[in-house]
Amino acid sequence: MLPKIRKAIPAWVKILSSGLCLAAVFLLCLEIMVIYGQEEERLPGWISYLVNLLFYGVILIWIARLIYIFIYLFQQDVKNRVLADLAATYLSTIIVFSSGYYLISSLADYRHYVNEYHHYQTLPKHFQDIEYPYNTRGFVGINHSMFMGVSELVDDIEVKYGQPASASQKWQAVHNLEDVFLPQYNSEKRSLYFLECFYFSVVTVTTLGYGDITPNFWFVKIAASIQSLLGVAIVAVGFGLIVNRIRQKEQIDCQERQ
């Protein structure tokens, strides 16, 4: 019974559903990381390694799945469905990688804001004008984040009207806290942050490369490189199969005329 049901399901539905399942794994890992991070001051190193291992494991599974799809598309009996299968492959690739960026860059953002908080917390008063010198967020150019950092603590008129918070303002804000740990999870920014990751995924897979959002974390850089290569491969295979189908049709028409 089960094999009959599997045969009845179109290939593009299987391709798209497998991509959605892999994306759901990424989102589940992120929720676990967020819940654990709210209970402890710092995420232990083994959670970071586990998330990174899972990330690359899922990416490798997805690459193996794409290779299988490419082999499947070259079979003669599926040429009539090639456009739907390719479209599902392209869309699911965007979804999988956008969820991966969402996971890894959120983890990087969390680490960044933790280190920034401890920088200002341990900075002596006579050095309060020293800015946190590192930018270890997952992306450069993304305006939103799922976590509230030190900058969100500064309540100043100039800051509200577009002026960046100074190092001394951040230092004062951190030392005015009473047993409040940063970064705090900001669920309201979750959808906006995912949309920006989705946008970066679309720009990467189509190899547009606008440059308004760039990866800042080496895990994200490797993932973006893999995605851009996969995007080129999918388009190349698609054009090749379509041109081959047109040539075969022309040959058949030519033989019928003769």
Protein backbone atom coordinates (compact mmCIF):
# COMPACT_ATOMS: atom_id res chain seq x y z
CA MET A 1 0.00 0.00 0.00
CA LEU A 2 2.75 2.43 0.96
CA PRO A 3 4.76 1.95 -2.28
CA LYS A 4 1.63 2.67 -4.30
CA ILE A 5 1.03 5.90 -2.38
CA ARG A 6 4.66 6.97 -2.91
CA LYS A 7 4.37 6.35 -6.66
CA ALA A 8 1.16 8.38 -6.81
CA ILE A 9 2.81 11.44 -5.25
CA PRO A 10 4.40 13.71 -7.90
CA ALA A 11 8.18 14.07 -7.78
CA TRP A 12 8.03 17.84 -7.29
CA VAL A 13 5.92 17.36 -4.14
CA LYS A 14 8.53 14.96 -2.72
CA ILE A 15 11.35 17.39 -3.54
CA LEU A 16 9.60 20.36 -1.96
CA SER A 17 8.48 18.45 1.12
CA SER A 18 12.01 17.14 1.75
CA GLY A 19 13.31 20.72 1.64
CA LEU A 20 10.64 21.87 4.09
CA CYS A 21 11.51 19.01 6.47
CA LEU A 22 15.20 19.96 6.46
CA ALA A 23 14.27 23.61 7.07
CA ALA A 24 12.09 22.52 10.00
CA VAL A 25 15.11 20.74 11.54
CA PHE A 26 17.09 24.01 11.43
CA LEU A 27 14.26 25.99 13.02
CA LEU A 28 13.80 23.37 15.75
CA CYS A 29 17.51 23.54 16.60
CA LEU A 30 17.28 27.32 16.87
CA GLU A 31 14.30 27.16 19.22
CA ILE A 32 16.16 24.70 21.46
CA MET A 33 19.19 26.98 21.45
CA VAL A 34 17.08 30.03 22.36
CA ILE A 35 15.26 28.27 25.20
CA TYR A 36 18.52 26.94 26.62
CA GLY A 37 20.19 30.34 26.27
CA GLN A 38 17.52 32.06 28.35
CA GLU A 39 18.17 29.69 31.24
CA GLU A 40 21.97 29.94 31.26
CA GLU A 41 24.28 32.95 31.04
CA ARG A 42 26.31 31.41 28.24
CA LEU A 43 25.59 28.63 25.83
CA PRO A 44 28.06 25.80 26.48
CA GLY A 45 30.53 25.03 23.73
CA TRP A 46 29.15 21.56 23.06
CA ILE A 47 25.81 23.04 21.98
CA SER A 48 27.55 25.24 19.42
CA TYR A 49 29.53 22.29 18.08
CA LEU A 50 26.40 20.13 17.97
CA VAL A 51 24.45 22.78 16.07
CA ASN A 52 27.31 23.31 13.62
CA LEU A 53 27.66 19.55 13.11
CA LEU A 54 23.95 19.22 12.51
CA PHE A 55 24.03 22.16 10.11
CA TYR A 56 26.70 20.62 7.91
CA GLY A 57 25.14 17.18 8.22
CA VAL A 58 21.83 18.46 6.89
CA ILE A 59 23.60 20.43 4.15
CA LEU A 60 25.47 17.27 3.04
CA ILE A 61 22.21 15.32 3.05
CA TRP A 62 20.64 18.04 0.90
CA ILE A 63 23.56 17.98 -1.57
CA ALA A 64 23.25 14.19 -1.84
CA ARG A 65 19.54 14.65 -2.42
CA LEU A 66 20.22 17.16 -5.20
CA ILE A 67 22.66 14.78 -6.89
CA TYR A 68 19.97 12.10 -6.82
CA ILE A 69 17.47 14.59 -8.27
CA PHE A 70 19.87 15.47 -11.10
CA ILE A 71 20.29 11.77 -11.96
CA TYR A 72 16.52 11.33 -11.82
CA LEU A 73 15.91 14.26 -14.15
CA PHE A 74 18.14 12.74 -16.84
CA GLN A 75 15.95 9.65 -17.09
CA GLN A 76 14.00 9.50 -20.32
CA ASP A 77 10.61 8.83 -18.73
CA VAL A 78 10.51 12.03 -16.67
CA LYS A 79 11.24 14.63 -19.35
CA ASN A 80 7.63 15.82 -19.42
CA ARG A 81 7.78 16.74 -15.74
CA VAL A 82 11.22 18.30 -15.73
CA LEU A 83 10.12 21.94 -15.33
CA ALA A 84 8.01 21.27 -12.23
CA ASP A 85 10.78 19.16 -10.67
CA LEU A 86 13.43 21.80 -11.35
CA ALA A 87 11.25 24.59 -9.98
CA ALA A 88 10.62 22.57 -6.80
CA THR A 89 14.37 21.87 -6.49
CA TYR A 90 15.22 25.56 -6.88
CA LEU A 91 12.59 26.71 -4.38
CA SER A 92 13.45 24.08 -1.78
CA THR A 93 17.15 24.98 -2.07
CA ILE A 94 16.28 28.59 -1.24
CA ILE A 95 14.17 27.50 1.74
CA VAL A 96 16.76 25.08 3.15
CA PHE A 97 19.65 27.53 2.95
CA SER A 98 17.65 30.50 4.25
CA SER A 99 16.76 28.40 7.31
CA GLY A 100 20.41 27.42 7.65
CA TYR A 101 21.50 31.05 7.55
CA TYR A 102 18.82 31.84 10.09
CA LEU A 103 20.18 29.18 12.45
CA ILE A 104 23.92 29.78 12.16
CA SER A 105 23.77 33.59 12.01
CA SER A 106 21.46 33.68 15.04
CA LEU A 107 23.95 31.60 16.97
CA ALA A 108 26.74 33.96 15.86
CA ASP A 109 24.65 36.99 16.86
CA TYR A 110 24.06 35.50 20.29
CA ARG A 111 27.79 34.98 20.82
CA HIS A 112 28.51 38.50 19.56
CA TYR A 113 26.10 40.16 21.98
CA VAL A 114 27.33 38.04 24.90
CA ASN A 115 30.93 39.07 24.24
CA GLU A 116 29.91 42.72 23.75
CA TYR A 117 28.06 42.71 27.07
CA HIS A 118 31.03 41.24 28.94
CA HIS A 119 33.33 43.77 27.27
CA TYR A 120 31.44 46.73 28.75
CA GLN A 121 30.75 44.92 32.01
CA THR A 122 34.44 44.33 32.74
CA LEU A 123 35.70 47.64 31.30
CA PRO A 124 37.08 50.03 33.99
CA LYS A 125 35.41 53.41 34.26
CA HIS A 126 38.42 55.39 33.03
CA PHE A 127 38.37 53.28 29.83
CA GLN A 128 34.63 53.61 29.21
CA ASP A 129 35.14 55.34 25.84
CA ILE A 130 36.64 52.19 24.28
CA GLU A 131 34.24 50.60 21.81
CA TYR A 132 33.84 46.85 21.53
CA PRO A 133 36.35 46.24 18.71
CA TYR A 134 34.89 43.18 17.00
CA ASN A 135 31.93 42.56 14.72
CA THR A 136 31.26 38.83 14.90
CA ARG A 137 27.61 38.86 13.88
CA GLY A 138 26.52 36.33 11.28
CA PHE A 139 25.88 38.97 8.61
CA VAL A 140 27.00 42.50 7.89
CA GLY A 141 24.14 44.63 6.59
CA ILE A 142 21.21 42.94 8.33
CA ASN A 143 19.28 45.56 10.28
CA HIS A 144 17.39 43.21 12.57
CA SER A 145 18.39 40.64 15.15
CA MET A 146 16.56 38.12 17.28
CA PHE A 147 18.48 39.27 20.35
CA MET A 148 18.69 42.57 22.19
CA GLY A 149 22.24 43.78 22.65
CA VAL A 150 23.85 46.58 24.61
CA SER A 151 22.71 49.27 22.13
CA GLU A 152 19.06 48.56 22.98
CA LEU A 153 19.74 49.55 26.60
CA VAL A 154 20.68 53.11 25.71
CA ASP A 155 17.69 55.41 26.18
CA ASP A 156 18.75 58.72 24.70
CA ILE A 157 17.06 61.29 22.44
CA GLU A 158 19.98 61.44 20.00
CA VAL A 159 20.04 57.64 19.71
CA LYS A 160 16.30 57.50 19.07
CA TYR A 161 16.67 59.96 16.22
CA GLY A 162 19.34 58.05 14.36
CA GLN A 163 22.57 58.83 16.19
CA PRO A 164 24.58 55.71 17.12
CA ALA A 165 25.10 54.99 20.80
CA SER A 166 28.56 55.93 22.04
CA ALA A 167 30.84 53.59 23.99
CA SER A 168 30.39 55.60 27.19
CA GLN A 169 26.59 55.43 26.85
CA LYS A 170 26.76 51.66 26.43
CA TRP A 171 29.13 51.34 29.40
CA GLN A 172 26.80 53.40 31.58
CA ALA A 173 23.75 51.42 30.47
CA VAL A 174 25.41 48.09 31.28
CA HIS A 175 26.49 49.25 34.73
CA ASN A 176 23.00 50.57 35.46
CA LEU A 177 21.57 47.09 35.03
CA GLU A 178 20.59 45.11 38.09
CA ASP A 179 21.03 41.36 37.59
CA VAL A 180 19.81 41.52 33.99
CA PHE A 181 21.67 39.35 31.52
CA LEU A 182 22.04 40.14 27.86
CA PRO A 183 21.30 39.25 25.17
CA GLN A 184 17.55 38.98 25.63
CA TYR A 185 15.47 37.11 23.09
CA ASN A 186 13.30 39.43 20.99
CA SER A 187 10.56 37.33 19.40
CA GLU A 188 9.06 40.34 17.59
CA LYS A 189 12.09 40.53 15.27
CA ARG A 190 12.04 36.82 14.40
CA SER A 191 9.98 37.10 11.21
CA LEU A 192 11.89 40.17 9.98
CA TYR A 193 15.22 38.45 10.57
CA PHE A 194 14.08 35.34 8.69
CA LEU A 195 12.91 37.49 5.75
CA GLU A 196 16.35 39.07 5.49
CA CYS A 197 17.96 35.61 5.55
CA PHE A 198 15.49 34.50 2.88
CA TYR A 199 16.38 37.54 0.78
CA PHE A 200 20.10 36.76 1.10
CA SER A 201 19.37 33.15 0.09
CA VAL A 202 17.56 34.32 -3.07
CA VAL A 203 20.37 36.74 -3.96
CA THR A 204 22.97 34.01 -3.43
CA VAL A 205 21.28 31.19 -5.34
CA THR A 206 20.62 33.49 -8.30
CA THR A 207 24.26 34.77 -8.12
CA LEU A 208 23.09 38.40 -8.18
CA GLY A 209 25.50 39.47 -5.45
CA TYR A 210 24.11 42.91 -4.57
CA GLY A 211 26.49 43.21 -1.62
CA ASP A 212 24.03 44.96 0.72
CA ILE A 213 24.15 41.87 2.98
CA THR A 214 27.41 39.95 3.28
CA PRO A 215 28.32 36.92 5.43
CA ASN A 216 30.60 37.72 8.34
CA PHE A 217 30.96 34.25 9.84
CA TRP A 218 33.02 31.56 8.15
CA PHE A 219 30.29 28.92 8.48
CA VAL A 220 27.91 31.23 6.60
CA LYS A 221 30.56 31.99 3.96
CA ILE A 222 31.03 28.29 3.22
CA ALA A 223 27.27 27.72 3.07
CA ALA A 224 26.82 30.68 0.70
CA SER A 225 29.58 29.35 -1.56
CA ILE A 226 27.93 25.91 -1.69
CA GLN A 227 24.52 27.45 -2.42
CA SER A 228 25.81 29.63 -5.27
CA LEU A 229 27.43 26.57 -6.91
CA LEU A 230 24.22 24.58 -6.50
CA GLY A 231 22.19 27.43 -7.99
CA VAL A 232 24.40 27.52 -11.09
CA ALA A 233 24.25 23.72 -11.39
CA ILE A 234 20.44 23.63 -11.18
CA VAL A 235 20.07 26.32 -13.86
CA ALA A 236 22.65 24.62 -16.10
CA VAL A 237 20.93 21.24 -15.80
CA GLY A 238 17.54 22.84 -16.41
CA PHE A 239 18.63 24.62 -19.58
CA GLY A 240 20.41 21.48 -20.79
CA LEU A 241 17.34 19.31 -20.33
CA ILE A 242 15.03 21.85 -21.95
CA VAL A 243 17.31 22.28 -24.98
CA ASN A 244 17.66 18.50 -25.27
CA ARG A 245 13.89 18.13 -25.17
CA ILE A 246 13.46 20.74 -27.93
CA ARG A 247 16.08 19.01 -30.10
CA GLN A 248 14.43 15.63 -29.63
CA LYS A 249 11.08 17.10 -30.62
CA GLU A 250 12.61 18.65 -33.74
CA GLN A 251 14.20 15.34 -34.69
CA ILE A 252 10.87 13.53 -34.27
CA ASP A 253 9.09 16.15 -36.40
CA CYS A 254 11.79 15.84 -39.04
CA GLN A 255 11.45 12.07 -39.13
CA GLU A 256 7.66 12.30 -39.45
CA ARG A 257 7.99 14.65 -42.44
CA GLN A 258 10.33 12.27 -44.20
